[in-house]
Amino acid sequence: MSGHGSVAVIMEPVTEPRPRRRMSGSERREQLIRISRTLFAEKGFDGTSIEEIAATAQVSKPVVYEHFGGKEGVYAVVVDREMQKLLTMITEALAASHSLIKVERAALALLQYIEESSEGFRILVRDSHAASGTGTFASLISEIASQVEDVLADEFAARGYDPKSAPMYAQMLVGMVALTGQWWLEVRKPGREEVAAHLVNLAWNGLRGLNPQPAISAVTRARDTAPPKPRPSSEKELRELEKARERELKEAEKVRQRELKEAEKARVRELKERERLLKEAEKAREREDKIRQREAKLAERAARLEQVDQSE
């Protein structure tokens, strides 16, 4: 070591940035589907490009082509998933034992899907692009209507109506609910349950028998907020489930009878109000007739007085 002062240089170890974990093929596929779903919902099929999907995922275009073959492929997967999700929710809702409960739960299921999967519903109603390979939104509505058709056919037969009309009524009912859902997608007011109550009010009671203050039945409300129950695995559980269904049916019938009574009371009030207005109108006409008669008498008297004056 020399006599001159020396400075010891301490070399710190150089730490290289850790390489980003490479996604597996299935993870990359799910990422691309997620990103594409958001872009399709925001910009539509025609407004979204492969370049944009790849750039958002930070991959090259060939990666997207490798997984889906192109924009049409990823769009078809996105649409198919949304349709299956919505159909599953509607199918589960239609498993109830009473027709009124089925209609309530189906309406709530659609609104729940819109609330929880707004992007998916926006894709279904916005584009309905033929590239989806699974059909348009109209075909989805028809598929749901075919399930509702069975419900209506049973209800029609029980009430003495022609079951052959069920397909037509099913299209009307599902179309009404779907269009209301498109409107509610944007406004989100009133709340989901209130919208469903008014939908069922119109569908179940008709314009003539509308309930002035509709509400979802307690049976449906309890199911909508309760966690899903496991499937029965024994005869005892099956018997208990059947008893629960019977109680549900009785409760639904009570609700229906109560709603019918309320609707009847509303009709009676309306009739009384009409009678009152008719009576008031009749009294007003009688008063006008008396006034006209009095005026006619006064005019006649004035005319006689004038003749007397002229003769004098």
C-alpha atoms as a PDB file:
ATOM      1  CA  MET A   1       0.000   0.000   0.000  1.00  0.00           C
ATOM      2  CA  SER A   2       1.490   3.399  -0.940  1.00  0.00           C
ATOM      3  CA  GLY A   3       1.932   6.230   1.483  1.00  0.00           C
ATOM      4  CA  HIS A   4      -0.656   8.301  -0.262  1.00  0.00           C
ATOM      5  CA  GLY A   5      -4.138   8.143   1.216  1.00  0.00           C
ATOM      6  CA  SER A   6      -6.303   5.648  -0.550  1.00  0.00           C
ATOM      7  CA  VAL A   7     -10.096   5.643  -0.713  1.00  0.00           C
ATOM      8  CA  ALA A   8     -11.794   2.334  -0.358  1.00  0.00           C
ATOM      9  CA  VAL A   9     -14.642   1.968  -2.834  1.00  0.00           C
ATOM     10  CA  ILE A  10     -17.469  -0.214  -1.617  1.00  0.00           C
ATOM     11  CA  MET A  11     -19.288  -1.827  -4.502  1.00  0.00           C
ATOM     12  CA  GLU A  12     -22.985  -2.494  -3.763  1.00  0.00           C
ATOM     13  CA  PRO A  13     -24.472  -5.486  -5.494  1.00  0.00           C
ATOM     14  CA  VAL A  14     -26.472  -4.549  -8.563  1.00  0.00           C
ATOM     15  CA  THR A  15     -30.056  -5.820  -8.341  1.00  0.00           C
ATOM     16  CA  GLU A  16     -31.717  -6.358 -11.652  1.00  0.00           C
ATOM     17  CA  PRO A  17     -35.489  -5.836 -11.879  1.00  0.00           C
ATOM     18  CA  ARG A  18     -37.389  -9.060 -11.358  1.00  0.00           C
ATOM     19  CA  PRO A  19     -38.819 -10.329 -14.625  1.00  0.00           C
ATOM     20  CA  ARG A  20     -42.615 -10.097 -14.877  1.00  0.00           C
ATOM     21  CA  ARG A  21     -44.287 -13.475 -14.411  1.00  0.00           C
ATOM     22  CA  ARG A  22     -45.386 -14.863 -17.718  1.00  0.00           C
ATOM     23  CA  MET A  23     -49.096 -15.564 -17.956  1.00  0.00           C
ATOM     24  CA  SER A  24     -50.265 -19.052 -18.745  1.00  0.00           C
ATOM     25  CA  GLY A  25     -52.293 -19.595 -21.891  1.00  0.00           C
ATOM     26  CA  SER A  26     -55.608 -19.753 -19.992  1.00  0.00           C
ATOM     27  CA  GLU A  27     -54.764 -16.643 -17.956  1.00  0.00           C
ATOM     28  CA  ARG A  28     -53.883 -14.696 -21.098  1.00  0.00           C
ATOM     29  CA  ARG A  29     -57.123 -15.839 -22.734  1.00  0.00           C
ATOM     30  CA  GLU A  30     -59.202 -14.659 -19.755  1.00  0.00           C
ATOM     31  CA  GLN A  31     -57.343 -11.347 -19.716  1.00  0.00           C
ATOM     32  CA  LEU A  32     -58.095 -10.759 -23.398  1.00  0.00           C
ATOM     33  CA  ILE A  33     -61.760 -11.653 -22.890  1.00  0.00           C
ATOM     34  CA  ARG A  34     -62.005  -9.228 -19.945  1.00  0.00           C
ATOM     35  CA  ILE A  35     -60.382  -6.384 -21.876  1.00  0.00           C
ATOM     36  CA  SER A  36     -62.420  -7.050 -25.015  1.00  0.00           C
ATOM     37  CA  ARG A  37     -65.666  -7.136 -22.999  1.00  0.00           C
ATOM     38  CA  THR A  38     -64.973  -3.656 -21.628  1.00  0.00           C
ATOM     39  CA  LEU A  39     -64.007  -2.259 -25.037  1.00  0.00           C
ATOM     40  CA  PHE A  40     -67.014  -3.803 -26.815  1.00  0.00           C
ATOM     41  CA  ALA A  41     -69.340  -2.383 -24.147  1.00  0.00           C
ATOM     42  CA  GLU A  42     -67.804   1.075 -24.467  1.00  0.00           C
ATOM     43  CA  LYS A  43     -67.259   1.327 -28.246  1.00  0.00           C
ATOM     44  CA  GLY A  44     -69.259  -1.472 -29.839  1.00  0.00           C
ATOM     45  CA  PHE A  45     -68.027  -4.183 -32.203  1.00  0.00           C
ATOM     46  CA  ASP A  46     -67.246  -1.884 -35.121  1.00  0.00           C
ATOM     47  CA  GLY A  47     -65.575   0.720 -32.906  1.00  0.00           C
ATOM     48  CA  THR A  48     -63.151  -1.771 -31.368  1.00  0.00           C
ATOM     49  CA  SER A  49     -60.013  -2.969 -33.175  1.00  0.00           C
ATOM     50  CA  ILE A  50     -57.606  -5.841 -32.681  1.00  0.00           C
ATOM     51  CA  GLU A  51     -54.831  -3.253 -32.300  1.00  0.00           C
ATOM     52  CA  GLU A  52     -56.658  -1.664 -29.354  1.00  0.00           C
ATOM     53  CA  ILE A  53     -57.302  -5.001 -27.665  1.00  0.00           C
ATOM     54  CA  ALA A  54     -53.652  -5.995 -28.038  1.00  0.00           C
ATOM     55  CA  ALA A  55     -52.334  -2.606 -26.896  1.00  0.00           C
ATOM     56  CA  THR A  56     -54.542  -2.596 -23.776  1.00  0.00           C
ATOM     57  CA  ALA A  57     -53.369  -6.118 -22.914  1.00  0.00           C
ATOM     58  CA  GLN A  58     -49.764  -5.127 -23.708  1.00  0.00           C
ATOM     59  CA  VAL A  59     -49.316  -7.941 -26.183  1.00  0.00           C
ATOM     60  CA  SER A  60     -48.788  -8.129 -29.912  1.00  0.00           C
ATOM     61  CA  LYS A  61     -51.640  -8.651 -32.362  1.00  0.00           C
ATOM     62  CA  PRO A  62     -50.543 -12.213 -33.221  1.00  0.00           C
ATOM     63  CA  VAL A  63     -51.239 -13.204 -29.585  1.00  0.00           C
ATOM     64  CA  VAL A  64     -54.899 -12.190 -29.990  1.00  0.00           C
ATOM     65  CA  TYR A  65     -55.096 -14.013 -33.326  1.00  0.00           C
ATOM     66  CA  GLU A  66     -53.504 -17.095 -31.757  1.00  0.00           C
ATOM     67  CA  HIS A  67     -56.215 -17.318 -29.061  1.00  0.00           C
ATOM     68  CA  PHE A  68     -59.330 -16.261 -31.000  1.00  0.00           C
ATOM     69  CA  GLY A  69     -58.508 -16.083 -34.698  1.00  0.00           C
ATOM     70  CA  GLY A  70     -59.552 -12.413 -34.847  1.00  0.00           C
ATOM     71  CA  LYS A  71     -61.952  -9.831 -33.444  1.00  0.00           C
ATOM     72  CA  GLU A  72     -64.989 -11.878 -34.458  1.00  0.00           C
ATOM     73  CA  GLY A  73     -63.722 -14.829 -32.410  1.00  0.00           C
ATOM     74  CA  VAL A  74     -63.256 -12.957 -29.155  1.00  0.00           C
ATOM     75  CA  TYR A  75     -66.578 -11.149 -29.674  1.00  0.00           C
ATOM     76  CA  ALA A  76     -68.367 -14.489 -30.097  1.00  0.00           C
ATOM     77  CA  VAL A  77     -66.905 -15.761 -26.825  1.00  0.00           C
ATOM     78  CA  VAL A  78     -67.893 -12.583 -24.953  1.00  0.00           C
ATOM     79  CA  VAL A  79     -71.477 -12.657 -26.281  1.00  0.00           C
ATOM     80  CA  ASP A  80     -71.884 -16.388 -25.653  1.00  0.00           C
ATOM     81  CA  ARG A  81     -70.772 -16.026 -22.037  1.00  0.00           C
ATOM     82  CA  GLU A  82     -73.190 -13.153 -21.404  1.00  0.00           C
ATOM     83  CA  MET A  83     -76.100 -15.002 -22.997  1.00  0.00           C
ATOM     84  CA  GLN A  84     -75.418 -18.145 -20.951  1.00  0.00           C
ATOM     85  CA  LYS A  85     -75.130 -16.135 -17.742  1.00  0.00           C
ATOM     86  CA  LEU A  86     -78.451 -14.368 -18.337  1.00  0.00           C
ATOM     87  CA  LEU A  87     -80.211 -17.565 -19.443  1.00  0.00           C
ATOM     88  CA  THR A  88     -79.006 -19.401 -16.337  1.00  0.00           C
ATOM     89  CA  MET A  89     -80.349 -16.667 -14.056  1.00  0.00           C
ATOM     90  CA  ILE A  90     -83.726 -16.645 -15.838  1.00  0.00           C
ATOM     91  CA  THR A  91     -83.953 -20.466 -15.817  1.00  0.00           C
ATOM     92  CA  GLU A  92     -83.283 -20.598 -12.075  1.00  0.00           C
ATOM     93  CA  ALA A  93     -85.920 -17.908 -11.493  1.00  0.00           C
ATOM     94  CA  LEU A  94     -88.523 -19.922 -13.412  1.00  0.00           C
ATOM     95  CA  ALA A  95     -88.002 -22.930 -11.119  1.00  0.00           C
ATOM     96  CA  ALA A  96     -90.432 -21.477  -8.537  1.00  0.00           C
ATOM     97  CA  SER A  97     -93.681 -23.359  -7.929  1.00  0.00           C
ATOM     98  CA  HIS A  98     -96.236 -20.549  -8.367  1.00  0.00           C
ATOM     99  CA  SER A  99     -96.715 -18.572 -11.573  1.00  0.00           C
ATOM    100  CA  LEU A 100     -96.756 -15.188  -9.839  1.00  0.00           C
ATOM    101  CA  ILE A 101     -93.486 -15.980  -8.053  1.00  0.00           C
ATOM    102  CA  LYS A 102     -91.980 -17.122 -11.365  1.00  0.00           C
ATOM    103  CA  VAL A 103     -92.856 -13.829 -13.050  1.00  0.00           C
ATOM    104  CA  GLU A 104     -91.521 -11.822 -10.100  1.00  0.00           C
ATOM    105  CA  ARG A 105     -88.245 -13.709  -9.944  1.00  0.00           C
ATOM    106  CA  ALA A 106     -87.721 -13.642 -13.704  1.00  0.00           C
ATOM    107  CA  ALA A 107     -88.179  -9.857 -13.760  1.00  0.00           C
ATOM    108  CA  LEU A 108     -85.809  -9.480 -10.803  1.00  0.00           C
ATOM    109  CA  ALA A 109     -83.268 -11.814 -12.432  1.00  0.00           C
ATOM    110  CA  LEU A 110     -83.076  -9.689 -15.576  1.00  0.00           C
ATOM    111  CA  LEU A 111     -82.737  -6.469 -13.579  1.00  0.00           C
ATOM    112  CA  GLN A 112     -80.106  -8.091 -11.349  1.00  0.00           C
ATOM    113  CA  TYR A 113     -78.129  -9.128 -14.430  1.00  0.00           C
ATOM    114  CA  ILE A 114     -78.338  -5.561 -15.780  1.00  0.00           C
ATOM    115  CA  GLU A 115     -77.217  -4.165 -12.426  1.00  0.00           C
ATOM    116  CA  GLU A 116     -74.322  -6.589 -11.934  1.00  0.00           C
ATOM    117  CA  SER A 117     -73.290  -7.041 -15.589  1.00  0.00           C
ATOM    118  CA  SER A 118     -73.999  -3.677 -17.178  1.00  0.00           C
ATOM    119  CA  GLU A 119     -71.169  -4.101 -19.691  1.00  0.00           C
ATOM    120  CA  GLY A 120     -72.496  -7.478 -20.783  1.00  0.00           C
ATOM    121  CA  PHE A 121     -76.067  -6.285 -21.201  1.00  0.00           C
ATOM    122  CA  ARG A 122     -74.857  -3.221 -23.110  1.00  0.00           C
ATOM    123  CA  ILE A 123     -73.009  -5.522 -25.535  1.00  0.00           C
ATOM    124  CA  LEU A 124     -76.072  -7.727 -26.030  1.00  0.00           C
ATOM    125  CA  VAL A 125     -78.449  -4.866 -26.810  1.00  0.00           C
ATOM    126  CA  ARG A 126     -76.045  -2.532 -28.603  1.00  0.00           C
ATOM    127  CA  ASP A 127     -74.565  -4.598 -31.404  1.00  0.00           C
ATOM    128  CA  SER A 128     -76.260  -7.966 -31.827  1.00  0.00           C
ATOM    129  CA  HIS A 129     -73.532  -8.463 -34.415  1.00  0.00           C
ATOM    130  CA  ALA A 130     -73.856 -11.507 -36.671  1.00  0.00           C
ATOM    131  CA  ALA A 131     -70.200 -12.313 -35.930  1.00  0.00           C
ATOM    132  CA  SER A 132     -71.195 -13.504 -32.478  1.00  0.00           C
ATOM    133  CA  GLY A 133     -72.233 -16.831 -33.974  1.00  0.00           C
ATOM    134  CA  THR A 134     -74.813 -17.249 -31.205  1.00  0.00           C
ATOM    135  CA  GLY A 135     -77.498 -15.008 -32.633  1.00  0.00           C
ATOM    136  CA  THR A 136     -78.838 -11.575 -31.883  1.00  0.00           C
ATOM    137  CA  PHE A 137     -80.469 -10.114 -28.813  1.00  0.00           C
ATOM    138  CA  ALA A 138     -83.803 -10.952 -30.435  1.00  0.00           C
ATOM    139  CA  SER A 139     -82.823 -14.630 -30.528  1.00  0.00           C
ATOM    140  CA  LEU A 140     -81.894 -14.436 -26.838  1.00  0.00           C
ATOM    141  CA  ILE A 141     -85.319 -12.968 -26.078  1.00  0.00           C
ATOM    142  CA  SER A 142     -86.925 -15.780 -28.081  1.00  0.00           C
ATOM    143  CA  GLU A 143     -84.954 -18.368 -26.118  1.00  0.00           C
ATOM    144  CA  ILE A 144     -86.129 -16.898 -22.818  1.00  0.00           C
ATOM    145  CA  ALA A 145     -89.670 -16.608 -24.190  1.00  0.00           C
ATOM    146  CA  SER A 146     -89.687 -20.323 -25.031  1.00  0.00           C
ATOM    147  CA  GLN A 147     -89.145 -21.058 -21.327  1.00  0.00           C
ATOM    148  CA  VAL A 148     -91.782 -18.551 -20.226  1.00  0.00           C
ATOM    149  CA  GLU A 149     -94.130 -20.113 -22.783  1.00  0.00           C
ATOM    150  CA  ASP A 150     -94.350 -23.330 -20.727  1.00  0.00           C
ATOM    151  CA  VAL A 151     -95.240 -21.333 -17.614  1.00  0.00           C
ATOM    152  CA  LEU A 152     -97.986 -19.443 -19.424  1.00  0.00           C
ATOM    153  CA  ALA A 153     -99.352 -22.583 -21.092  1.00  0.00           C
ATOM    154  CA  ASP A 154     -99.886 -24.204 -17.674  1.00  0.00           C
ATOM    155  CA  GLU A 155    -101.459 -21.032 -16.301  1.00  0.00           C
ATOM    156  CA  PHE A 156    -103.738 -20.673 -19.334  1.00  0.00           C
ATOM    157  CA  ALA A 157    -104.873 -24.287 -19.093  1.00  0.00           C
ATOM    158  CA  ALA A 158    -105.632 -23.900 -15.380  1.00  0.00           C
ATOM    159  CA  ARG A 159    -107.756 -20.802 -16.069  1.00  0.00           C
ATOM    160  CA  GLY A 160    -109.583 -22.171 -19.088  1.00  0.00           C
ATOM    161  CA  TYR A 161    -107.737 -20.111 -21.712  1.00  0.00           C
ATOM    162  CA  ASP A 162    -106.378 -21.513 -24.956  1.00  0.00           C
ATOM    163  CA  PRO A 163    -102.780 -22.723 -24.296  1.00  0.00           C
ATOM    164  CA  LYS A 164    -102.020 -22.240 -28.015  1.00  0.00           C
ATOM    165  CA  SER A 165    -101.863 -18.488 -27.312  1.00  0.00           C
ATOM    166  CA  ALA A 166     -99.002 -18.977 -24.821  1.00  0.00           C
ATOM    167  CA  PRO A 167     -96.122 -18.438 -27.342  1.00  0.00           C
ATOM    168  CA  MET A 168     -97.547 -15.078 -28.428  1.00  0.00           C
ATOM    169  CA  TYR A 169     -98.088 -13.918 -24.838  1.00  0.00           C
ATOM    170  CA  ALA A 170     -94.606 -15.130 -23.879  1.00  0.00           C
ATOM    171  CA  GLN A 171     -93.042 -12.914 -26.564  1.00  0.00           C
ATOM    172  CA  MET A 172     -95.134  -9.956 -25.361  1.00  0.00           C
ATOM    173  CA  LEU A 173     -94.199 -10.491 -21.721  1.00  0.00           C
ATOM    174  CA  VAL A 174     -90.465 -11.025 -22.252  1.00  0.00           C
ATOM    175  CA  GLY A 175     -90.286  -8.184 -24.777  1.00  0.00           C
ATOM    176  CA  MET A 176     -91.898  -5.818 -22.280  1.00  0.00           C
ATOM    177  CA  VAL A 177     -89.443  -6.786 -19.557  1.00  0.00           C
ATOM    178  CA  ALA A 178     -86.408  -6.592 -21.899  1.00  0.00           C
ATOM    179  CA  LEU A 179     -87.295  -3.135 -23.227  1.00  0.00           C
ATOM    180  CA  THR A 180     -87.886  -1.914 -19.681  1.00  0.00           C
ATOM    181  CA  GLY A 181     -84.453  -3.300 -18.830  1.00  0.00           C
ATOM    182  CA  GLN A 182     -82.859  -1.315 -21.668  1.00  0.00           C
ATOM    183  CA  TRP A 183     -84.491   1.847 -20.336  1.00  0.00           C
ATOM    184  CA  TRP A 184     -83.456   1.068 -16.744  1.00  0.00           C
ATOM    185  CA  LEU A 185     -79.862   0.402 -17.843  1.00  0.00           C
ATOM    186  CA  GLU A 186     -79.452   4.139 -18.353  1.00  0.00           C
ATOM    187  CA  VAL A 187     -81.704   5.708 -15.694  1.00  0.00           C
ATOM    188  CA  ARG A 188     -81.270   3.246 -12.767  1.00  0.00           C
ATOM    189  CA  LYS A 189     -84.242   4.827 -10.981  1.00  0.00           C
ATOM    190  CA  PRO A 190     -86.329   3.674  -9.228  1.00  0.00           C
ATOM    191  CA  GLY A 191     -84.614   0.707  -7.581  1.00  0.00           C
ATOM    192  CA  ARG A 192     -84.512  -2.821  -8.979  1.00  0.00           C
ATOM    193  CA  GLU A 193     -87.231  -4.223  -6.730  1.00  0.00           C
ATOM    194  CA  GLU A 194     -89.613  -1.334  -7.356  1.00  0.00           C
ATOM    195  CA  VAL A 195     -89.211  -1.614 -11.143  1.00  0.00           C
ATOM    196  CA  ALA A 196     -89.840  -5.374 -10.936  1.00  0.00           C
ATOM    197  CA  ALA A 197     -92.958  -4.783  -8.819  1.00  0.00           C
ATOM    198  CA  HIS A 198     -94.422  -2.422 -11.418  1.00  0.00           C
ATOM    199  CA  LEU A 199     -93.532  -4.797 -14.265  1.00  0.00           C
ATOM    200  CA  VAL A 200     -95.295  -7.671 -12.520  1.00  0.00           C
ATOM    201  CA  ASN A 201     -98.198  -5.364 -11.648  1.00  0.00           C
ATOM    202  CA  LEU A 202     -98.815  -4.661 -15.327  1.00  0.00           C
ATOM    203  CA  ALA A 203     -98.107  -8.221 -16.478  1.00  0.00           C
ATOM    204  CA  TRP A 204    -100.147  -9.947 -13.769  1.00  0.00           C
ATOM    205  CA  ASN A 205    -103.040  -7.534 -13.174  1.00  0.00           C
ATOM    206  CA  GLY A 206    -103.312  -5.820 -16.552  1.00  0.00           C
ATOM    207  CA  LEU A 207    -104.126  -2.149 -17.049  1.00  0.00           C
ATOM    208  CA  ARG A 208    -107.686  -2.574 -15.814  1.00  0.00           C
ATOM    209  CA  GLY A 209    -106.709  -4.185 -12.522  1.00  0.00           C
ATOM    210  CA  LEU A 210    -103.530  -2.251 -11.701  1.00  0.00           C
ATOM    211  CA  ASN A 211    -102.634  -2.194  -8.031  1.00  0.00           C
ATOM    212  CA  PRO A 212    -102.090   1.472  -7.032  1.00  0.00           C
ATOM    213  CA  GLN A 213     -99.182   0.504  -4.738  1.00  0.00           C
ATOM    214  CA  PRO A 214     -97.488  -2.652  -6.084  1.00  0.00           C
ATOM    215  CA  ALA A 215     -94.734  -4.458  -4.205  1.00  0.00           C
ATOM    216  CA  ILE A 216     -92.755  -7.650  -4.661  1.00  0.00           C
ATOM    217  CA  SER A 217     -94.168 -10.460  -2.498  1.00  0.00           C
ATOM    218  CA  ALA A 218     -92.411 -11.333   0.755  1.00  0.00           C
ATOM    219  CA  VAL A 219     -91.544 -14.797  -0.591  1.00  0.00           C
ATOM    220  CA  THR A 220     -89.607 -13.408  -3.548  1.00  0.00           C
ATOM    221  CA  ARG A 221     -87.998 -10.642  -1.487  1.00  0.00           C
ATOM    222  CA  ALA A 222     -86.709 -13.166   1.051  1.00  0.00           C
ATOM    223  CA  ARG A 223     -85.227 -15.339  -1.702  1.00  0.00           C
ATOM    224  CA  ASP A 224     -83.637 -12.366  -3.469  1.00  0.00           C
ATOM    225  CA  THR A 225     -81.695 -11.392  -0.334  1.00  0.00           C
ATOM    226  CA  ALA A 226     -80.983 -14.862   1.085  1.00  0.00           C
ATOM    227  CA  PRO A 227     -77.789 -16.837   0.252  1.00  0.00           C
ATOM    228  CA  PRO A 228     -78.242 -19.778  -2.157  1.00  0.00           C
ATOM    229  CA  LYS A 229     -79.233 -23.034  -0.475  1.00  0.00           C
ATOM    230  CA  PRO A 230     -77.423 -26.322  -1.183  1.00  0.00           C
ATOM    231  CA  ARG A 231     -79.262 -28.899  -3.253  1.00  0.00           C
ATOM    232  CA  PRO A 232     -81.159 -31.552  -1.242  1.00  0.00           C
ATOM    233  CA  SER A 233     -79.256 -34.793  -0.820  1.00  0.00           C
ATOM    234  CA  SER A 234     -81.749 -36.966   1.109  1.00  0.00           C
ATOM    235  CA  GLU A 235     -85.438 -37.881   1.136  1.00  0.00           C
ATOM    236  CA  LYS A 236     -85.912 -35.853   4.329  1.00  0.00           C
ATOM    237  CA  GLU A 237     -84.492 -32.746   2.698  1.00  0.00           C
ATOM    238  CA  LEU A 238     -86.668 -33.360  -0.354  1.00  0.00           C
ATOM    239  CA  ARG A 239     -89.787 -33.593   1.854  1.00  0.00           C
ATOM    240  CA  GLU A 240     -88.803 -30.413   3.668  1.00  0.00           C
ATOM    241  CA  LEU A 241     -88.220 -28.697   0.338  1.00  0.00           C
ATOM    242  CA  GLU A 242     -91.657 -29.813  -0.873  1.00  0.00           C
ATOM    243  CA  LYS A 243     -93.263 -28.467   2.315  1.00  0.00           C
ATOM    244  CA  ALA A 244     -91.422 -25.199   1.821  1.00  0.00           C
ATOM    245  CA  ARG A 245     -92.749 -25.034  -1.724  1.00  0.00           C
ATOM    246  CA  GLU A 246     -96.288 -25.647  -0.486  1.00  0.00           C
ATOM    247  CA  ARG A 247     -95.898 -22.850   2.058  1.00  0.00           C
ATOM    248  CA  GLU A 248     -94.504 -20.642  -0.702  1.00  0.00           C
ATOM    249  CA  LEU A 249     -97.508 -21.424  -2.889  1.00  0.00           C
ATOM    250  CA  LYS A 250     -99.940 -20.623  -0.069  1.00  0.00           C
ATOM    251  CA  GLU A 251     -98.113 -17.376   0.651  1.00  0.00           C
ATOM    252  CA  ALA A 252     -98.148 -16.433  -3.014  1.00  0.00           C
ATOM    253  CA  GLU A 253    -101.882 -17.182  -3.199  1.00  0.00           C
ATOM    254  CA  LYS A 254    -102.487 -14.985  -0.141  1.00  0.00           C
ATOM    255  CA  VAL A 255    -100.501 -12.211  -1.805  1.00  0.00           C
ATOM    256  CA  ARG A 256    -102.476 -12.655  -4.997  1.00  0.00           C
ATOM    257  CA  GLN A 257    -105.816 -12.568  -3.180  1.00  0.00           C
ATOM    258  CA  ARG A 258    -104.718  -9.488  -1.241  1.00  0.00           C
ATOM    259  CA  GLU A 259    -103.653  -7.763  -4.448  1.00  0.00           C
ATOM    260  CA  LEU A 260    -106.958  -8.681  -6.093  1.00  0.00           C
ATOM    261  CA  LYS A 261    -108.857  -7.220  -3.112  1.00  0.00           C
ATOM    262  CA  GLU A 262    -106.765  -4.049  -3.250  1.00  0.00           C
ATOM    263  CA  ALA A 263    -107.365  -3.790  -6.991  1.00  0.00           C
ATOM    264  CA  GLU A 264    -111.114  -4.312  -6.408  1.00  0.00           C
ATOM    265  CA  LYS A 265    -111.110  -1.610  -3.736  1.00  0.00           C
ATOM    266  CA  ALA A 266    -109.327   0.705  -6.152  1.00  0.00           C
ATOM    267  CA  ARG A 267    -111.968  -0.003  -8.824  1.00  0.00           C
ATOM    268  CA  VAL A 268    -114.770   0.655  -6.302  1.00  0.00           C
ATOM    269  CA  ARG A 269    -113.143   3.951  -5.313  1.00  0.00           C
ATOM    270  CA  GLU A 270    -112.822   4.852  -8.976  1.00  0.00           C
ATOM    271  CA  LEU A 271    -116.497   4.046  -9.617  1.00  0.00           C
ATOM    272  CA  LYS A 272    -117.576   6.108  -6.606  1.00  0.00           C
ATOM    273  CA  GLU A 273    -115.446   8.984  -7.790  1.00  0.00           C
ATOM    274  CA  ARG A 274    -117.025   8.739 -11.247  1.00  0.00           C
ATOM    275  CA  GLU A 275    -120.516   8.680  -9.714  1.00  0.00           C
ATOM    276  CA  ARG A 276    -119.664  11.738  -7.620  1.00  0.00           C
ATOM    277  CA  LEU A 277    -118.397  13.610 -10.663  1.00  0.00           C
ATOM    278  CA  LEU A 278    -121.488  12.591 -12.655  1.00  0.00           C
ATOM    279  CA  LYS A 279    -123.762  13.823  -9.876  1.00  0.00           C
ATOM    280  CA  GLU A 280    -121.887  17.116  -9.670  1.00  0.00           C
ATOM    281  CA  ALA A 281    -122.108  17.482 -13.448  1.00  0.00           C
ATOM    282  CA  GLU A 282    -125.843  16.697 -13.303  1.00  0.00           C
ATOM    283  CA  LYS A 283    -126.362  19.300 -10.557  1.00  0.00           C
ATOM    284  CA  ALA A 284    -124.384  21.826 -12.588  1.00  0.00           C
ATOM    285  CA  ARG A 285    -126.613  21.121 -15.614  1.00  0.00           C
ATOM    286  CA  GLU A 286    -129.726  21.501 -13.458  1.00  0.00           C
ATOM    287  CA  ARG A 287    -128.441  24.845 -12.133  1.00  0.00           C
ATOM    288  CA  GLU A 288    -127.705  25.984 -15.696  1.00  0.00           C
ATOM    289  CA  ASP A 289    -131.202  24.909 -16.787  1.00  0.00           C
ATOM    290  CA  LYS A 290    -132.769  26.871 -13.931  1.00  0.00           C
ATOM    291  CA  ILE A 291    -130.692  29.924 -14.783  1.00  0.00           C
ATOM    292  CA  ARG A 292    -131.701  29.656 -18.446  1.00  0.00           C
ATOM    293  CA  GLN A 293    -135.358  29.234 -17.485  1.00  0.00           C
ATOM    294  CA  ARG A 294    -135.175  32.244 -15.165  1.00  0.00           C
ATOM    295  CA  GLU A 295    -133.459  34.290 -17.847  1.00  0.00           C
ATOM    296  CA  ALA A 296    -136.103  33.211 -20.360  1.00  0.00           C
ATOM    297  CA  LYS A 297    -138.881  34.273 -17.952  1.00  0.00           C
ATOM    298  CA  LEU A 298    -137.187  37.615 -17.351  1.00  0.00           C
ATOM    299  CA  ALA A 299    -136.782  38.140 -21.088  1.00  0.00           C
ATOM    300  CA  GLU A 300    -140.440  37.226 -21.630  1.00  0.00           C
ATOM    301  CA  ARG A 301    -141.547  39.631 -18.896  1.00  0.00           C
ATOM    302  CA  ALA A 302    -139.391  42.388 -20.323  1.00  0.00           C
ATOM    303  CA  ALA A 303    -140.883  41.783 -23.747  1.00  0.00           C
ATOM    304  CA  ARG A 304    -144.448  42.046 -22.347  1.00  0.00           C
ATOM    305  CA  LEU A 305    -143.609  45.249 -20.508  1.00  0.00           C
ATOM    306  CA  GLU A 306    -142.158  46.677 -23.686  1.00  0.00           C
ATOM    307  CA  GLN A 307    -145.367  45.814 -25.587  1.00  0.00           C
ATOM    308  CA  VAL A 308    -147.433  47.490 -22.864  1.00  0.00           C
ATOM    309  CA  ASP A 309    -145.294  50.610 -23.067  1.00  0.00           C
ATOM    310  CA  GLN A 310    -145.630  50.708 -26.845  1.00  0.00           C
ATOM    311  CA  SER A 311    -149.438  50.269 -26.704  1.00  0.00           C
ATOM    312  CA  GLU A 312    -149.774  53.125 -24.256  1.00  0.00           C
END
